Amino acid sequence: MRFTKIHEILEKAQQAPDDKERAKILAANNCLGLRDVLRAAYDDTIVFTLPEGIPPYTSNVSQEGISPTNLIRNTTQFTYFVKRGEGDKIPQFKRESVFVRLLEGIDPKDAEVLCAVKEKRLQAQYSKVTKELVQKIWPKLILK
């Protein structure tokens, strides 16, 4: 089953009875956005250049409960938030502003996922979606 939001994929994997089923769920939802999130969460070579903690932001959900944008399609913005990325070329306040706008534009649960990724604490939220599991599915995704 394919999901349209990162948190849906991670929640379904978290609820799976074993690693084999979790791997099936993650692999079935394989997309650049999911791989970007998992790599950013678990790869020690990816260092965020944003302040620690969750920034103040306002969840932005339309009246129908649908977010105006989607984290899966917006992980390309990660380059503004990590060392050696495009964000190195812009002032810190601008980088933080872009991050807050992203958080405010996506589903509130995906915003929570993104904050956990930034803090390298995704496994605290989804304990069964481990670095080891991700490495079994995509062996070359995580460098370190």
C-alpha atoms as a PDB file:
ATOM      1  CA  MET A   1       0.000   0.000   0.000  1.00  0.00           C
ATOM      2  CA  ARG A   2       1.346   3.412  -0.997  1.00  0.00           C
ATOM      3  CA  PHE A   3       0.999   6.391   1.304  1.00  0.00           C
ATOM      4  CA  THR A   4       1.245  10.082   0.457  1.00  0.00           C
ATOM      5  CA  LYS A   5       2.822  11.386   3.646  1.00  0.00           C
ATOM      6  CA  ILE A   6       6.066  10.474   5.393  1.00  0.00           C
ATOM      7  CA  HIS A   7       4.450  10.068   8.810  1.00  0.00           C
ATOM      8  CA  GLU A   8       1.909   7.622   7.344  1.00  0.00           C
ATOM      9  CA  ILE A   9       4.683   5.432   5.984  1.00  0.00           C
ATOM     10  CA  LEU A  10       6.644   5.541   9.243  1.00  0.00           C
ATOM     11  CA  GLU A  11       3.564   4.886  11.392  1.00  0.00           C
ATOM     12  CA  LYS A  12       2.555   1.898   9.275  1.00  0.00           C
ATOM     13  CA  ALA A  13       6.104   0.527   9.465  1.00  0.00           C
ATOM     14  CA  GLN A  14       6.176   1.116  13.228  1.00  0.00           C
ATOM     15  CA  GLN A  15       2.956  -0.903  13.626  1.00  0.00           C
ATOM     16  CA  ALA A  16       4.198  -3.836  11.524  1.00  0.00           C
ATOM     17  CA  PRO A  17       4.730  -7.052  13.493  1.00  0.00           C
ATOM     18  CA  ASP A  18       8.347  -7.652  12.438  1.00  0.00           C
ATOM     19  CA  ASP A  19      11.300  -6.274  10.475  1.00  0.00           C
ATOM     20  CA  LYS A  20      10.344  -8.247   7.371  1.00  0.00           C
ATOM     21  CA  GLU A  21       6.959  -6.512   7.215  1.00  0.00           C
ATOM     22  CA  ARG A  22       8.494  -3.144   8.081  1.00  0.00           C
ATOM     23  CA  ALA A  23      10.973  -3.563   5.235  1.00  0.00           C
ATOM     24  CA  LYS A  24       8.123  -4.438   2.849  1.00  0.00           C
ATOM     25  CA  ILE A  25       6.219  -1.286   3.816  1.00  0.00           C
ATOM     26  CA  LEU A  26       9.243   0.971   3.443  1.00  0.00           C
ATOM     27  CA  ALA A  27      10.289  -0.626   0.142  1.00  0.00           C
ATOM     28  CA  ALA A  28       6.737  -0.431  -1.233  1.00  0.00           C
ATOM     29  CA  ASN A  29       6.758   3.312  -0.523  1.00  0.00           C
ATOM     30  CA  ASN A  30      10.245   3.866  -1.919  1.00  0.00           C
ATOM     31  CA  CYS A  31      10.613   7.415  -3.178  1.00  0.00           C
ATOM     32  CA  LEU A  32      13.238  10.120  -3.050  1.00  0.00           C
ATOM     33  CA  GLY A  33      11.402  11.948  -0.257  1.00  0.00           C
ATOM     34  CA  LEU A  34      11.334   8.922   2.049  1.00  0.00           C
ATOM     35  CA  ARG A  35      14.968   8.081   1.347  1.00  0.00           C
ATOM     36  CA  ASP A  36      15.973  11.730   1.951  1.00  0.00           C
ATOM     37  CA  VAL A  37      14.206  11.748   5.325  1.00  0.00           C
ATOM     38  CA  LEU A  38      15.720   8.439   6.427  1.00  0.00           C
ATOM     39  CA  ARG A  39      19.202   9.381   5.246  1.00  0.00           C
ATOM     40  CA  ALA A  40      19.027  12.764   6.983  1.00  0.00           C
ATOM     41  CA  ALA A  41      17.841  11.032  10.159  1.00  0.00           C
ATOM     42  CA  TYR A  42      20.499   8.330  10.306  1.00  0.00           C
ATOM     43  CA  ASP A  43      23.538   9.432   8.287  1.00  0.00           C
ATOM     44  CA  ASP A  44      26.133  10.998  10.589  1.00  0.00           C
ATOM     45  CA  THR A  45      27.724  12.835   7.649  1.00  0.00           C
ATOM     46  CA  ILE A  46      24.584  14.963   7.334  1.00  0.00           C
ATOM     47  CA  VAL A  47      24.792  17.820   9.807  1.00  0.00           C
ATOM     48  CA  PHE A  48      21.989  20.346  10.098  1.00  0.00           C
ATOM     49  CA  THR A  49      22.987  24.002  10.374  1.00  0.00           C
ATOM     50  CA  LEU A  50      19.827  25.005  12.220  1.00  0.00           C
ATOM     51  CA  PRO A  51      19.613  25.822  15.935  1.00  0.00           C
ATOM     52  CA  GLU A  52      18.817  22.967  18.294  1.00  0.00           C
ATOM     53  CA  GLY A  53      15.237  22.506  19.346  1.00  0.00           C
ATOM     54  CA  ILE A  54      11.915  22.971  17.665  1.00  0.00           C
ATOM     55  CA  PRO A  55      11.465  26.435  16.208  1.00  0.00           C
ATOM     56  CA  PRO A  56       8.262  28.340  16.878  1.00  0.00           C
ATOM     57  CA  TYR A  57       5.901  27.753  13.963  1.00  0.00           C
ATOM     58  CA  THR A  58       2.188  27.559  13.289  1.00  0.00           C
ATOM     59  CA  SER A  59       0.734  24.387  11.780  1.00  0.00           C
ATOM     60  CA  ASN A  60      -0.938  25.244   8.515  1.00  0.00           C
ATOM     61  CA  VAL A  61      -3.771  22.915   7.569  1.00  0.00           C
ATOM     62  CA  SER A  62      -6.541  24.013   5.229  1.00  0.00           C
ATOM     63  CA  GLN A  63     -10.177  23.765   6.200  1.00  0.00           C
ATOM     64  CA  GLU A  64     -10.482  20.362   4.521  1.00  0.00           C
ATOM     65  CA  GLY A  65      -7.622  19.061   6.660  1.00  0.00           C
ATOM     66  CA  ILE A  66      -5.268  18.900   3.691  1.00  0.00           C
ATOM     67  CA  SER A  67      -1.888  20.572   3.915  1.00  0.00           C
ATOM     68  CA  PRO A  68      -1.037  22.907   1.056  1.00  0.00           C
ATOM     69  CA  THR A  69       2.221  21.079   0.332  1.00  0.00           C
ATOM     70  CA  ASN A  70       3.863  17.749   1.053  1.00  0.00           C
ATOM     71  CA  LEU A  71       7.152  16.793   2.712  1.00  0.00           C
ATOM     72  CA  ILE A  72       7.731  13.996   0.188  1.00  0.00           C
ATOM     73  CA  ARG A  73       7.923  16.605  -2.589  1.00  0.00           C
ATOM     74  CA  ASN A  74       9.881  19.162  -0.563  1.00  0.00           C
ATOM     75  CA  THR A  75      12.909  17.263   0.713  1.00  0.00           C
ATOM     76  CA  THR A  76      14.917  19.005  -2.001  1.00  0.00           C
ATOM     77  CA  GLN A  77      14.901  21.971   0.397  1.00  0.00           C
ATOM     78  CA  PHE A  78      17.105  19.975   2.790  1.00  0.00           C
ATOM     79  CA  THR A  79      20.106  21.388   0.915  1.00  0.00           C
ATOM     80  CA  TYR A  80      19.386  24.727   2.625  1.00  0.00           C
ATOM     81  CA  PHE A  81      19.583  23.201   6.098  1.00  0.00           C
ATOM     82  CA  VAL A  82      22.746  21.067   6.008  1.00  0.00           C
ATOM     83  CA  LYS A  83      26.484  21.748   5.974  1.00  0.00           C
ATOM     84  CA  ARG A  84      28.029  21.921   2.522  1.00  0.00           C
ATOM     85  CA  GLY A  85      24.609  22.664   1.018  1.00  0.00           C
ATOM     86  CA  GLU A  86      23.061  25.690  -0.629  1.00  0.00           C
ATOM     87  CA  GLY A  87      22.281  27.039   2.826  1.00  0.00           C
ATOM     88  CA  ASP A  88      25.966  27.782   3.359  1.00  0.00           C
ATOM     89  CA  LYS A  89      25.510  30.604   0.847  1.00  0.00           C
ATOM     90  CA  ILE A  90      22.649  32.338   2.666  1.00  0.00           C
ATOM     91  CA  PRO A  91      22.455  34.108   6.040  1.00  0.00           C
ATOM     92  CA  GLN A  92      21.389  32.059   9.067  1.00  0.00           C
ATOM     93  CA  PHE A  93      18.135  34.021   9.558  1.00  0.00           C
ATOM     94  CA  LYS A  94      17.120  33.260   5.954  1.00  0.00           C
ATOM     95  CA  ARG A  95      17.921  29.553   6.395  1.00  0.00           C
ATOM     96  CA  GLU A  96      15.804  29.432   9.539  1.00  0.00           C
ATOM     97  CA  SER A  97      13.005  31.301   7.789  1.00  0.00           C
ATOM     98  CA  VAL A  98      12.958  28.773   4.932  1.00  0.00           C
ATOM     99  CA  PHE A  99      12.811  25.940   7.480  1.00  0.00           C
ATOM    100  CA  VAL A 100       9.897  27.507   9.365  1.00  0.00           C
ATOM    101  CA  ARG A 101       8.000  28.103   6.102  1.00  0.00           C
ATOM    102  CA  LEU A 102       8.500  24.441   5.215  1.00  0.00           C
ATOM    103  CA  LEU A 103       7.216  23.320   8.629  1.00  0.00           C
ATOM    104  CA  GLU A 104       4.199  25.595   8.317  1.00  0.00           C
ATOM    105  CA  GLY A 105       3.363  24.333   4.849  1.00  0.00           C
ATOM    106  CA  ILE A 106       3.362  20.582   5.443  1.00  0.00           C
ATOM    107  CA  ASP A 107       1.141  18.214   7.385  1.00  0.00           C
ATOM    108  CA  PRO A 108       1.573  18.821  11.143  1.00  0.00           C
ATOM    109  CA  LYS A 109       2.663  15.205  11.737  1.00  0.00           C
ATOM    110  CA  ASP A 110       5.202  15.443   8.917  1.00  0.00           C
ATOM    111  CA  ALA A 111       6.439  18.670  10.548  1.00  0.00           C
ATOM    112  CA  GLU A 112       6.999  16.675  13.755  1.00  0.00           C
ATOM    113  CA  VAL A 113       8.903  14.066  11.738  1.00  0.00           C
ATOM    114  CA  LEU A 114      11.048  16.765  10.143  1.00  0.00           C
ATOM    115  CA  CYS A 115      11.878  18.272  13.534  1.00  0.00           C
ATOM    116  CA  ALA A 116      12.835  14.803  14.828  1.00  0.00           C
ATOM    117  CA  VAL A 117      15.032  14.290  11.762  1.00  0.00           C
ATOM    118  CA  LYS A 118      16.749  17.641  12.303  1.00  0.00           C
ATOM    119  CA  GLU A 119      17.471  16.686  15.902  1.00  0.00           C
ATOM    120  CA  LYS A 120      18.626  13.176  14.833  1.00  0.00           C
ATOM    121  CA  ARG A 121      15.905  11.743  17.080  1.00  0.00           C
ATOM    122  CA  LEU A 122      13.655   9.982  14.564  1.00  0.00           C
ATOM    123  CA  GLN A 123      14.246   6.617  16.211  1.00  0.00           C
ATOM    124  CA  ALA A 124      12.911   8.004  19.492  1.00  0.00           C
ATOM    125  CA  GLN A 125       9.616   8.608  17.693  1.00  0.00           C
ATOM    126  CA  TYR A 126       9.654   5.468  15.504  1.00  0.00           C
ATOM    127  CA  SER A 127      11.717   2.987  17.484  1.00  0.00           C
ATOM    128  CA  LYS A 128      11.173   0.090  15.090  1.00  0.00           C
ATOM    129  CA  VAL A 129      12.314   2.024  12.025  1.00  0.00           C
ATOM    130  CA  THR A 130      15.990   1.650  12.789  1.00  0.00           C
ATOM    131  CA  LYS A 131      19.163   2.629  10.999  1.00  0.00           C
ATOM    132  CA  GLU A 132      19.956  -1.067  10.596  1.00  0.00           C
ATOM    133  CA  LEU A 133      16.588  -1.736   8.948  1.00  0.00           C
ATOM    134  CA  VAL A 134      17.071   1.162   6.539  1.00  0.00           C
ATOM    135  CA  GLN A 135      20.565  -0.099   5.676  1.00  0.00           C
ATOM    136  CA  LYS A 136      19.163  -3.556   4.861  1.00  0.00           C
ATOM    137  CA  ILE A 137      16.653  -2.057   2.444  1.00  0.00           C
ATOM    138  CA  TRP A 138      18.966   0.544   0.872  1.00  0.00           C
ATOM    139  CA  PRO A 139      22.565  -0.566   1.580  1.00  0.00           C
ATOM    140  CA  LYS A 140      24.197   2.473  -0.050  1.00  0.00           C
ATOM    141  CA  LEU A 141      21.863   5.137   1.355  1.00  0.00           C
ATOM    142  CA  ILE A 142      23.617   5.822   4.654  1.00  0.00           C
ATOM    143  CA  LEU A 143      27.294   6.644   4.349  1.00  0.00           C
ATOM    144  CA  LYS A 144      28.247   6.589   8.032  1.00  0.00           C
END
